[in-house]
C-alpha atoms as a PDB file:
ATOM      1  CA  MET A   1      -3.539   9.451   7.509  1.00  0.00           C
ATOM      2  CA  SER A   2      -1.771  11.860   9.662  1.00  0.00           C
ATOM      3  CA  GLY A   3      -1.747   9.726  12.867  1.00  0.00           C
ATOM      4  CA  ILE A   4      -1.095   6.065  11.502  1.00  0.00           C
ATOM      5  CA  LEU A   5       2.589   6.602  11.464  1.00  0.00           C
ATOM      6  CA  ASP A   6       2.708   8.858  14.318  1.00  0.00           C
ATOM      7  CA  SER A   7       4.568   6.582  17.200  1.00  0.00           C
ATOM      8  CA  VAL A   8       7.417   5.381  14.498  1.00  0.00           C
ATOM      9  CA  ASN A   9      10.352   6.552  17.620  1.00  0.00           C
ATOM     10  CA  LEU A  10       8.443   3.327  19.224  1.00  0.00           C
ATOM     11  CA  ARG A  11       9.372   1.268  16.681  1.00  0.00           C
ATOM     12  CA  THR A  12      12.706   1.211  16.907  1.00  0.00           C
ATOM     13  CA  GLN A  13      12.221  -1.031  20.034  1.00  0.00           C
ATOM     14  CA  LEU A  14      11.857  -3.785  17.730  1.00  0.00           C
ATOM     15  CA  VAL A  15      15.364  -4.008  15.803  1.00  0.00           C
ATOM     16  CA  GLY A  16      17.247  -7.202  16.147  1.00  0.00           C
ATOM     17  CA  GLN A  17      14.351  -9.008  17.835  1.00  0.00           C
ATOM     18  CA  ASN A  18      13.314 -10.106  14.539  1.00  0.00           C
ATOM     19  CA  ARG A  19      10.011  -8.164  14.472  1.00  0.00           C
ATOM     20  CA  LEU A  20       8.804  -5.080  11.714  1.00  0.00           C
ATOM     21  CA  GLU A  21       5.692  -3.293  10.840  1.00  0.00           C
ATOM     22  CA  LEU A  22       3.870  -3.042   7.559  1.00  0.00           C
ATOM     23  CA  LEU A  23       1.788  -0.898   6.324  1.00  0.00           C
ATOM     24  CA  LEU A  24      -1.040  -2.641   4.640  1.00  0.00           C
ATOM     25  CA  PHE A  25      -2.280  -1.426   1.136  1.00  0.00           C
ATOM     26  CA  ASN A  26      -4.429  -1.765  -1.796  1.00  0.00           C
ATOM     27  CA  LEU A  27      -4.100  -1.126  -5.505  1.00  0.00           C
ATOM     28  CA  GLU A  28      -6.782  -1.615  -8.179  1.00  0.00           C
ATOM     29  CA  SER A  29      -8.256  -5.434  -6.694  1.00  0.00           C
ATOM     30  CA  ASP A  30      -9.080  -6.172  -2.845  1.00  0.00           C
ATOM     31  CA  GLN A  31      -5.773  -7.977  -2.943  1.00  0.00           C
ATOM     32  CA  GLN A  32      -3.831  -6.721  -0.007  1.00  0.00           C
ATOM     33  CA  TYR A  33       0.245  -5.183  -0.333  1.00  0.00           C
ATOM     34  CA  GLY A  34       2.527  -4.682   2.281  1.00  0.00           C
ATOM     35  CA  ILE A  35       5.548  -2.528   2.743  1.00  0.00           C
ATOM     36  CA  ASN A  36       7.588  -1.699   5.400  1.00  0.00           C
ATOM     37  CA  VAL A  37       6.728   1.041   8.038  1.00  0.00           C
ATOM     38  CA  PHE A  38      10.890   2.032   8.385  1.00  0.00           C
ATOM     39  CA  LYS A  39      11.026   3.331   4.371  1.00  0.00           C
ATOM     40  CA  VAL A  40       7.705   5.194   4.741  1.00  0.00           C
ATOM     41  CA  ARG A  41       8.169   8.728   5.418  1.00  0.00           C
ATOM     42  CA  GLU A  42       4.488   9.557   5.394  1.00  0.00           C
ATOM     43  CA  VAL A  43       1.132   9.107   3.471  1.00  0.00           C
ATOM     44  CA  LEU A  44      -1.513  11.315   2.801  1.00  0.00           C
ATOM     45  CA  GLN A  45      -4.589  11.911  -0.171  1.00  0.00           C
ATOM     46  CA  CYS A  46      -3.325  12.354  -3.042  1.00  0.00           C
ATOM     47  CA  PRO A  47      -3.043  15.839  -4.561  1.00  0.00           C
ATOM     48  CA  LYS A  48      -2.878  17.219  -7.798  1.00  0.00           C
ATOM     49  CA  LEU A  49      -0.257  16.189  -9.884  1.00  0.00           C
ATOM     50  CA  THR A  50       2.177  18.081 -12.083  1.00  0.00           C
ATOM     51  CA  GLU A  51       2.477  16.019 -15.300  1.00  0.00           C
ATOM     52  CA  ILE A  52       5.976  15.183 -16.826  1.00  0.00           C
ATOM     53  CA  PRO A  53       6.490  14.827 -20.341  1.00  0.00           C
ATOM     54  CA  ARG A  54       7.927  11.775 -22.165  1.00  0.00           C
ATOM     55  CA  GLN A  55       8.383  10.040 -19.032  1.00  0.00           C
ATOM     56  CA  THR A  56       7.033   6.367 -18.966  1.00  0.00           C
ATOM     57  CA  SER A  57       3.102   6.062 -19.012  1.00  0.00           C
ATOM     58  CA  ALA A  58       3.967   4.730 -14.515  1.00  0.00           C
ATOM     59  CA  ILE A  59       5.392   7.619 -14.070  1.00  0.00           C
ATOM     60  CA  LYS A  60       2.349  10.056 -13.247  1.00  0.00           C
ATOM     61  CA  GLY A  61       4.076  12.980 -12.249  1.00  0.00           C
ATOM     62  CA  MET A  62       5.348  15.092 -10.055  1.00  0.00           C
ATOM     63  CA  ALA A  63       3.506  16.049  -6.294  1.00  0.00           C
ATOM     64  CA  HIS A  64       5.051  19.257  -4.587  1.00  0.00           C
ATOM     65  CA  ILE A  65       4.498  17.435  -0.758  1.00  0.00           C
ATOM     66  CA  ARG A  66       6.345  19.302   2.329  1.00  0.00           C
ATOM     67  CA  GLY A  67       8.653  22.573  -0.597  1.00  0.00           C
ATOM     68  CA  GLU A  68      10.026  18.825  -2.049  1.00  0.00           C
ATOM     69  CA  THR A  69       8.918  17.815  -5.538  1.00  0.00           C
ATOM     70  CA  ILE A  70       8.755  14.120  -5.414  1.00  0.00           C
ATOM     71  CA  PRO A  71       7.833  11.938  -8.745  1.00  0.00           C
ATOM     72  CA  VAL A  72       4.978   9.355  -8.076  1.00  0.00           C
ATOM     73  CA  LEU A  73       4.631   6.198  -9.615  1.00  0.00           C
ATOM     74  CA  ASP A  74       1.631   4.673 -10.103  1.00  0.00           C
ATOM     75  CA  LEU A  75       2.379   1.072  -8.798  1.00  0.00           C
ATOM     76  CA  SER A  76      -0.586  -0.748 -10.255  1.00  0.00           C
ATOM     77  CA  GLU A  77       0.371   0.124 -13.413  1.00  0.00           C
ATOM     78  CA  ALA A  78       4.252  -0.272 -13.187  1.00  0.00           C
ATOM     79  CA  ILE A  79       3.953  -4.010 -12.287  1.00  0.00           C
ATOM     80  CA  GLY A  80       1.923  -4.385 -15.217  1.00  0.00           C
ATOM     81  CA  ARG A  81      -1.312  -4.311 -13.723  1.00  0.00           C
ATOM     82  CA  SER A  82      -4.122  -1.514 -15.177  1.00  0.00           C
ATOM     83  CA  ALA A  83      -3.797   2.366 -14.188  1.00  0.00           C
ATOM     84  CA  LEU A  84      -5.400   3.543 -11.235  1.00  0.00           C
ATOM     85  CA  ASP A  85      -8.690   4.904 -11.356  1.00  0.00           C
ATOM     86  CA  ARG A  86      -8.503   8.455 -10.917  1.00  0.00           C
ATOM     87  CA  SER A  87     -11.889   9.811 -11.670  1.00  0.00           C
ATOM     88  CA  GLY A  88     -12.954  10.604  -8.131  1.00  0.00           C
ATOM     89  CA  GLU A  89     -11.515  13.574  -6.015  1.00  0.00           C
ATOM     90  CA  GLN A  90     -10.794  11.517  -2.792  1.00  0.00           C
ATOM     91  CA  ASP A  91      -9.513   7.782  -4.378  1.00  0.00           C
ATOM     92  CA  SER A  92      -6.558   7.994  -4.445  1.00  0.00           C
ATOM     93  CA  PHE A  93      -3.141   8.148  -1.676  1.00  0.00           C
ATOM     94  CA  LEU A  94       0.247   8.404  -1.805  1.00  0.00           C
ATOM     95  CA  ILE A  95       2.500   6.593   0.560  1.00  0.00           C
ATOM     96  CA  VAL A  96       6.342   8.746   0.516  1.00  0.00           C
ATOM     97  CA  ALA A  97       9.424   6.196   0.748  1.00  0.00           C
ATOM     98  CA  GLU A  98      13.390   6.393   0.697  1.00  0.00           C
ATOM     99  CA  TYR A  99      14.295   3.783  -0.867  1.00  0.00           C
ATOM    100  CA  ASN A 100      17.628   3.640  -2.480  1.00  0.00           C
ATOM    101  CA  LYS A 101      18.620   7.159  -1.793  1.00  0.00           C
ATOM    102  CA  ARG A 102      15.574   8.433  -3.718  1.00  0.00           C
ATOM    103  CA  THR A 103      12.468   9.824  -2.405  1.00  0.00           C
ATOM    104  CA  LEU A 104       9.368   8.761  -4.430  1.00  0.00           C
ATOM    105  CA  ALA A 105       5.927   8.612  -3.651  1.00  0.00           C
ATOM    106  CA  PHE A 106       3.973   5.425  -4.166  1.00  0.00           C
ATOM    107  CA  LEU A 107       0.059   6.464  -5.644  1.00  0.00           C
ATOM    108  CA  VAL A 108      -2.044   3.123  -4.164  1.00  0.00           C
ATOM    109  CA  ARG A 109      -5.916   3.312  -4.274  1.00  0.00           C
ATOM    110  CA  LYS A 110      -6.931   2.449  -0.325  1.00  0.00           C
ATOM    111  CA  VAL A 111      -4.366   2.429   2.945  1.00  0.00           C
ATOM    112  CA  ASP A 112      -5.600  -0.025   5.396  1.00  0.00           C
ATOM    113  CA  ARG A 113      -3.858  -0.145   8.109  1.00  0.00           C
ATOM    114  CA  ILE A 114      -0.066  -1.322   9.867  1.00  0.00           C
ATOM    115  CA  ILE A 115       0.462  -4.779  11.802  1.00  0.00           C
ATOM    116  CA  ASN A 116       3.299  -5.773  13.530  1.00  0.00           C
ATOM    117  CA  THR A 117       4.596  -9.407  13.051  1.00  0.00           C
ATOM    118  CA  ASN A 118       7.643 -11.883  13.160  1.00  0.00           C
ATOM    119  CA  TRP A 119      10.224 -11.613  10.268  1.00  0.00           C
ATOM    120  CA  ASP A 120       9.766 -15.298  10.687  1.00  0.00           C
ATOM    121  CA  GLN A 121       6.274 -15.454   9.637  1.00  0.00           C
ATOM    122  CA  ILE A 122       7.159 -13.735   6.289  1.00  0.00           C
ATOM    123  CA  ASN A 123       7.559 -16.386   3.521  1.00  0.00           C
ATOM    124  CA  ALA A 124       9.927 -16.240  -0.369  1.00  0.00           C
ATOM    125  CA  PRO A 125       7.352 -17.054  -2.963  1.00  0.00           C
ATOM    126  CA  PRO A 126       6.920 -20.239  -3.840  1.00  0.00           C
ATOM    127  CA  ALA A 127       9.172 -21.480  -6.602  1.00  0.00           C
ATOM    128  CA  GLU A 128       6.764 -23.257  -8.791  1.00  0.00           C
ATOM    129  CA  ILE A 129       5.862 -19.319  -9.564  1.00  0.00           C
ATOM    130  CA  GLY A 130       9.286 -18.449 -11.390  1.00  0.00           C
ATOM    131  CA  VAL A 131      11.556 -15.341 -11.285  1.00  0.00           C
ATOM    132  CA  GLU A 132       9.720 -13.214 -13.929  1.00  0.00           C
ATOM    133  CA  ASN A 133       7.306 -11.129 -11.107  1.00  0.00           C
ATOM    134  CA  TYR A 134       7.917  -8.441  -8.921  1.00  0.00           C
ATOM    135  CA  LEU A 135       7.042 -10.649  -5.392  1.00  0.00           C
ATOM    136  CA  THR A 136      10.272 -10.356  -2.675  1.00  0.00           C
ATOM    137  CA  ALA A 137       8.181 -12.187   0.552  1.00  0.00           C
ATOM    138  CA  ILE A 138       4.288 -13.324   1.216  1.00  0.00           C
ATOM    139  CA  PHE A 139       2.283 -13.384   4.698  1.00  0.00           C
ATOM    140  CA  GLU A 140      -0.346 -14.959   5.768  1.00  0.00           C
ATOM    141  CA  TYR A 141      -2.518 -12.657   7.834  1.00  0.00           C
ATOM    142  CA  GLU A 142      -6.146 -13.349   8.822  1.00  0.00           C
ATOM    143  CA  ASP A 143      -6.710 -16.110   6.404  1.00  0.00           C
ATOM    144  CA  ALA A 144      -5.723 -13.495   3.465  1.00  0.00           C
ATOM    145  CA  LEU A 145      -2.331 -13.386   1.475  1.00  0.00           C
ATOM    146  CA  ILE A 146       0.099 -10.059   2.104  1.00  0.00           C
ATOM    147  CA  GLU A 147       2.050  -9.515  -0.882  1.00  0.00           C
ATOM    148  CA  ILE A 148       5.337  -7.469  -0.312  1.00  0.00           C
ATOM    149  CA  LEU A 149       6.989  -6.661  -3.570  1.00  0.00           C
ATOM    150  CA  ASP A 150      10.194  -6.479  -4.983  1.00  0.00           C
ATOM    151  CA  VAL A 151      10.618  -2.335  -4.534  1.00  0.00           C
ATOM    152  CA  GLU A 152      14.171  -2.460  -5.374  1.00  0.00           C
ATOM    153  CA  GLN A 153      13.359  -4.711  -8.947  1.00  0.00           C
ATOM    154  CA  ILE A 154      10.620  -2.163  -9.776  1.00  0.00           C
ATOM    155  CA  LEU A 155      12.789   1.601  -9.601  1.00  0.00           C
ATOM    156  CA  ALA A 156      15.698  -0.896 -11.038  1.00  0.00           C
ATOM    157  CA  ASP A 157      13.450  -1.635 -14.817  1.00  0.00           C
ATOM    158  CA  LEU A 158      12.333   1.894 -14.412  1.00  0.00           C
ATOM    159  CA  TYR A 159      15.233   3.593 -13.276  1.00  0.00           C
ATOM    160  CA  PRO A 160      18.423   1.546 -15.073  1.00  0.00           C
ATOM    161  CA  GLN A 161      21.077   1.433 -12.967  1.00  0.00           C
ATOM    162  CA  SER A 162      25.294   0.962 -13.641  1.00  0.00           C
ATOM    163  CA  THR A 163      26.857  -1.848 -11.614  1.00  0.00           C
ATOM    164  CA  GLU A 164      30.400  -0.739 -13.099  1.00  0.00           C
ATOM    165  CA  VAL A 165      32.812  -0.046 -10.662  1.00  0.00           C
ATOM    166  CA  SER A 166      34.866   3.116 -11.342  1.00  0.00           C
ATOM    167  CA  ALA A 167      38.389   1.791 -12.659  1.00  0.00           C
ATOM    168  CA  ASP A 168      40.538   4.412 -10.851  1.00  0.00           C
ATOM    169  CA  ILE A 169      39.076   2.183  -7.810  1.00  0.00           C
ATOM    170  CA  ALA A 170      39.400  -1.180  -9.496  1.00  0.00           C
ATOM    171  CA  THR A 171      43.134  -0.661 -10.367  1.00  0.00           C
ATOM    172  CA  ALA A 172      44.971  -3.606 -11.561  1.00  0.00           C
ATOM    173  CA  ASP A 173      46.430  -4.076  -8.067  1.00  0.00           C
ATOM    174  CA  VAL A 174      43.404  -4.110  -6.757  1.00  0.00           C
ATOM    175  CA  ARG A 175      41.798  -6.704  -8.715  1.00  0.00           C
ATOM    176  CA  LYS A 176      45.138  -8.438  -8.595  1.00  0.00           C
ATOM    177  CA  ARG A 177      44.649  -8.646  -4.823  1.00  0.00           C
ATOM    178  CA  ALA A 178      40.435  -8.596  -4.508  1.00  0.00           C
ATOM    179  CA  GLN A 179      41.160 -12.686  -6.340  1.00  0.00           C
ATOM    180  CA  ALA A 180      42.570 -14.284  -2.829  1.00  0.00           C
ATOM    181  CA  HIS A 181      39.392 -13.369  -1.425  1.00  0.00           C
ATOM    182  CA  ASN A 182      35.682 -14.213  -1.043  1.00  0.00           C
ATOM    183  CA  VAL A 183      32.420 -12.048   0.068  1.00  0.00           C
ATOM    184  CA  LEU A 184      29.390 -13.223   1.310  1.00  0.00           C
ATOM    185  CA  ILE A 185      26.277 -11.128  -0.092  1.00  0.00           C
ATOM    186  CA  VAL A 186      22.729 -11.817   1.412  1.00  0.00           C
ATOM    187  CA  ASP A 187      19.936 -10.280  -0.312  1.00  0.00           C
ATOM    188  CA  ASP A 188      16.114 -11.950  -0.595  1.00  0.00           C
ATOM    189  CA  SER A 189      15.817  -9.606  -3.555  1.00  0.00           C
ATOM    190  CA  SER A 190      17.301 -11.070  -7.486  1.00  0.00           C
ATOM    191  CA  VAL A 191      18.002  -7.690  -8.518  1.00  0.00           C
ATOM    192  CA  ALA A 192      19.753  -7.002  -5.439  1.00  0.00           C
ATOM    193  CA  ARG A 193      22.578  -9.839  -5.802  1.00  0.00           C
ATOM    194  CA  ASN A 194      23.106  -9.532  -8.907  1.00  0.00           C
ATOM    195  CA  GLN A 195      23.858  -6.086  -8.674  1.00  0.00           C
ATOM    196  CA  MET A 196      26.262  -6.355  -6.045  1.00  0.00           C
ATOM    197  CA  GLN A 197      27.562  -9.827  -7.778  1.00  0.00           C
ATOM    198  CA  ARG A 198      28.536  -7.717 -11.004  1.00  0.00           C
ATOM    199  CA  SER A 199      29.572  -5.048  -9.379  1.00  0.00           C
ATOM    200  CA  LEU A 200      31.991  -7.093  -6.907  1.00  0.00           C
ATOM    201  CA  GLU A 201      33.778  -9.485  -9.605  1.00  0.00           C
ATOM    202  CA  ASN A 202      34.381  -6.525 -11.734  1.00  0.00           C
ATOM    203  CA  LEU A 203      36.260  -6.158  -8.042  1.00  0.00           C
ATOM    204  CA  GLY A 204      38.001  -9.415  -8.590  1.00  0.00           C
ATOM    205  CA  VAL A 205      36.441 -10.712  -5.614  1.00  0.00           C
ATOM    206  CA  THR A 206      34.675 -13.829  -5.198  1.00  0.00           C
ATOM    207  CA  VAL A 207      30.948 -13.667  -4.329  1.00  0.00           C
ATOM    208  CA  THR A 208      28.761 -16.202  -2.384  1.00  0.00           C
ATOM    209  CA  GLN A 209      25.001 -15.516  -2.609  1.00  0.00           C
ATOM    210  CA  CYS A 210      22.781 -16.316   0.226  1.00  0.00           C
ATOM    211  CA  ASN A 211      18.719 -15.600  -0.424  1.00  0.00           C
ATOM    212  CA  ASN A 212      17.791 -14.493   3.216  1.00  0.00           C
ATOM    213  CA  GLY A 213      19.375 -14.578   6.731  1.00  0.00           C
ATOM    214  CA  MET A 214      18.081 -18.029   7.511  1.00  0.00           C
ATOM    215  CA  GLU A 215      19.733 -19.709   4.972  1.00  0.00           C
ATOM    216  CA  ALA A 216      23.530 -17.142   5.085  1.00  0.00           C
ATOM    217  CA  TRP A 217      22.746 -18.585   8.996  1.00  0.00           C
ATOM    218  CA  LYS A 218      22.996 -22.395   8.095  1.00  0.00           C
ATOM    219  CA  LEU A 219      25.971 -21.669   5.942  1.00  0.00           C
ATOM    220  CA  LEU A 220      28.244 -19.895   8.303  1.00  0.00           C
ATOM    221  CA  ASP A 221      26.549 -22.341  11.211  1.00  0.00           C
ATOM    222  CA  GLY A 222      27.971 -25.914   8.968  1.00  0.00           C
ATOM    223  CA  LEU A 223      30.929 -24.115   7.854  1.00  0.00           C
ATOM    224  CA  ALA A 224      31.945 -23.611  11.637  1.00  0.00           C
ATOM    225  CA  GLY A 225      30.878 -26.812  12.631  1.00  0.00           C
ATOM    226  CA  SER A 226      32.630 -28.482   9.912  1.00  0.00           C
ATOM    227  CA  GLY A 227      35.785 -26.593  11.363  1.00  0.00           C
ATOM    228  CA  VAL A 228      36.605 -23.825   9.218  1.00  0.00           C
ATOM    229  CA  ASP A 229      37.242 -20.478  10.086  1.00  0.00           C
ATOM    230  CA  ILE A 230      35.029 -18.233   8.999  1.00  0.00           C
ATOM    231  CA  ASN A 231      37.025 -15.140   9.331  1.00  0.00           C
ATOM    232  CA  GLU A 232      39.372 -16.929   6.888  1.00  0.00           C
ATOM    233  CA  HIS A 233      37.273 -18.561   4.253  1.00  0.00           C
ATOM    234  CA  PHE A 234      35.328 -15.143   4.025  1.00  0.00           C
ATOM    235  CA  LEU A 235      36.763 -11.661   3.902  1.00  0.00           C
ATOM    236  CA  MET A 236      33.400 -10.054   4.908  1.00  0.00           C
ATOM    237  CA  MET A 237      29.516 -10.410   4.504  1.00  0.00           C
ATOM    238  CA  ILE A 238      27.651  -7.768   2.805  1.00  0.00           C
ATOM    239  CA  SER A 239      23.880  -8.387   3.964  1.00  0.00           C
ATOM    240  CA  ASP A 240      20.399  -6.793   3.120  1.00  0.00           C
ATOM    241  CA  ILE A 241      18.400  -5.968   6.438  1.00  0.00           C
ATOM    242  CA  GLU A 242      14.679  -6.422   5.569  1.00  0.00           C
ATOM    243  CA  MET A 243      14.559 -10.566   5.204  1.00  0.00           C
ATOM    244  CA  PRO A 244      11.830 -13.602   5.429  1.00  0.00           C
ATOM    245  CA  GLU A 245      12.439 -15.456   7.917  1.00  0.00           C
ATOM    246  CA  VAL A 246      15.549 -13.999  10.004  1.00  0.00           C
ATOM    247  CA  ASP A 247      16.254 -10.055   9.306  1.00  0.00           C
ATOM    248  CA  GLY A 248      19.820  -8.855   8.498  1.00  0.00           C
ATOM    249  CA  TYR A 249      19.790  -7.086  12.515  1.00  0.00           C
ATOM    250  CA  THR A 250      18.852 -10.516  13.572  1.00  0.00           C
ATOM    251  CA  LEU A 251      21.738 -12.343  11.876  1.00  0.00           C
ATOM    252  CA  THR A 252      23.713 -10.225  12.747  1.00  0.00           C
ATOM    253  CA  ALA A 253      23.226 -10.415  16.633  1.00  0.00           C
ATOM    254  CA  MET A 254      22.911 -14.017  16.165  1.00  0.00           C
ATOM    255  CA  VAL A 255      26.892 -13.954  14.626  1.00  0.00           C
ATOM    256  CA  ARG A 256      27.786 -12.290  17.314  1.00  0.00           C
ATOM    257  CA  GLU A 257      26.615 -14.253  19.929  1.00  0.00           C
ATOM    258  CA  ASP A 258      28.645 -17.266  17.984  1.00  0.00           C
ATOM    259  CA  GLU A 259      32.286 -17.476  19.915  1.00  0.00           C
ATOM    260  CA  ARG A 260      33.396 -19.061  16.347  1.00  0.00           C
ATOM    261  CA  MET A 261      32.669 -16.074  14.177  1.00  0.00           C
ATOM    262  CA  ASP A 262      31.833 -13.364  16.726  1.00  0.00           C
ATOM    263  CA  LYS A 263      34.657 -11.388  14.620  1.00  0.00           C
ATOM    264  CA  PHE A 264      33.315 -11.922  11.735  1.00  0.00           C
ATOM    265  CA  HIS A 265      33.382  -8.641   9.531  1.00  0.00           C
ATOM    266  CA  ILE A 266      29.735  -7.403   8.888  1.00  0.00           C
ATOM    267  CA  VAL A 267      28.898  -4.769   6.960  1.00  0.00           C
ATOM    268  CA  LEU A 268      24.311  -3.550   6.252  1.00  0.00           C
ATOM    269  CA  HIS A 269      23.716  -3.270   3.098  1.00  0.00           C
ATOM    270  CA  THR A 270      20.025  -1.682   2.566  1.00  0.00           C
ATOM    271  CA  SER A 271      17.577   1.364   0.838  1.00  0.00           C
ATOM    272  CA  LEU A 272      15.928   1.719   4.296  1.00  0.00           C
ATOM    273  CA  SER A 273      16.623   5.375   5.414  1.00  0.00           C
ATOM    274  CA  GLY A 274      19.961   6.121   6.617  1.00  0.00           C
ATOM    275  CA  GLY A 275      19.837   7.805   8.884  1.00  0.00           C
ATOM    276  CA  PHE A 276      18.000   5.167  11.140  1.00  0.00           C
ATOM    277  CA  ASN A 277      20.539   2.671   9.608  1.00  0.00           C
ATOM    278  CA  VAL A 278      23.341   4.597  11.376  1.00  0.00           C
ATOM    279  CA  SER A 279      22.572   3.858  14.624  1.00  0.00           C
ATOM    280  CA  MET A 280      21.478   0.644  14.997  1.00  0.00           C
ATOM    281  CA  VAL A 281      23.896  -0.993  13.545  1.00  0.00           C
ATOM    282  CA  LYS A 282      25.924  -0.119  15.959  1.00  0.00           C
ATOM    283  CA  LYS A 283      23.521  -1.216  18.644  1.00  0.00           C
ATOM    284  CA  VAL A 284      23.657  -4.964  16.800  1.00  0.00           C
ATOM    285  CA  GLY A 285      27.369  -4.945  16.285  1.00  0.00           C
ATOM    286  CA  ALA A 286      27.721  -4.561  12.321  1.00  0.00           C
ATOM    287  CA  ASN A 287      31.428  -3.108  11.637  1.00  0.00           C
ATOM    288  CA  GLY A 288      29.690  -0.802   9.105  1.00  0.00           C
ATOM    289  CA  PHE A 289      26.260   0.435   6.998  1.00  0.00           C
ATOM    290  CA  LEU A 290      26.114   0.675   2.774  1.00  0.00           C
ATOM    291  CA  ALA A 291      23.259   2.731   1.488  1.00  0.00           C
ATOM    292  CA  LYS A 292      21.894   0.750  -2.116  1.00  0.00           C
ATOM    293  CA  PHE A 293      23.118   0.778  -4.547  1.00  0.00           C
ATOM    294  CA  ASN A 294      26.011   2.601  -5.720  1.00  0.00           C
ATOM    295  CA  PRO A 295      28.940   0.528  -6.848  1.00  0.00           C
ATOM    296  CA  ASN A 296      32.054   2.671  -6.197  1.00  0.00           C
ATOM    297  CA  ASP A 297      30.601   3.106  -2.208  1.00  0.00           C
ATOM    298  CA  LEU A 298      30.246  -1.307  -2.531  1.00  0.00           C
ATOM    299  CA  ALA A 299      33.774  -1.792  -3.906  1.00  0.00           C
ATOM    300  CA  ASN A 300      35.227   0.958  -1.451  1.00  0.00           C
ATOM    301  CA  ALA A 301      33.919  -0.739   1.458  1.00  0.00           C
ATOM    302  CA  VAL A 302      35.708  -4.182   0.198  1.00  0.00           C
ATOM    303  CA  ILE A 303      39.102  -2.773  -0.729  1.00  0.00           C
ATOM    304  CA  GLU A 304      38.815  -1.088   2.534  1.00  0.00           C
ATOM    305  CA  ARG A 305      38.739  -4.670   4.480  1.00  0.00           C
ATOM    306  CA  ILE A 306      41.265  -5.929   1.847  1.00  0.00           C
ATOM    307  CA  ASN A 307      43.702  -3.076   2.945  1.00  0.00           C
ATOM    308  CA  LEU A 308      43.115  -3.946   6.390  1.00  0.00           C
ATOM    309  CA  VAL A 309      43.105  -7.382   6.129  1.00  0.00           C
ATOM    310  CA  GLU A 310      46.197  -7.365   4.473  1.00  0.00           C
ATOM    311  CA  GLY A 311      47.978  -5.065   6.921  1.00  0.00           C
ATOM    312  CA  LYS A 312      47.699  -1.780   4.225  1.00  0.00           C
END
């Protein structure tokens, strides 16, 4: 398994081309799931775990990996299915990943391979299945459906986070000034959109939501086509990077290439590893990068933009 991620450095070439690579894995059945390779630090056979007293049952313990103690989450149990059977010696693997400034390991039954695809081949789940699920996207591959889990929703359920902005940041003066502004947020995760909306509304701004990059582009293109000045209509856009159809990098590039909105202020907001994204933000022309999810960091980015627009 050590060689499965050896070519990660080459994958930076995919940025801005609406492409991604998925690591495929299985849980308690033959159904395959996918995770973006850029979120994965390493893949290894599951070592002996140290148990954690009085912890949710989906957290199977801690693994000591390369000098770091990392919590291990049974993804199968976390999404409401049977816990993985770990009775054999070589029966499970760990996908060590970084989400929302947190390093954790996902316990899976089998890791298959890495596949290369386009974000426009990744689709949102059908609306008919409702919203009470952990799916964020689906992908048809070799006559089978690959499911991409909404890990942000899973983690939000396990580790609830406050969306309140500190009172010393959301002052009465800031809230009064913020009421004049509208922020466009773009994210395919409903939990991420709701977290951002609650935080920004706590700050006082109006929020417009889009579920993915294509929806955001259609909104911006339509407004600009009807004569609306995007820079006047919206204070800024805060966009996720990983999204079906059109990712955040490609959305940013599309905006930058359109003279009607090429000065639009864009901040990319993602659970992907921060060190990688800081350099990629410059490559596609975004104005900034925020790691998910900290309501005060989010609020400060908006306040900084308000101050700049108002000349303060």
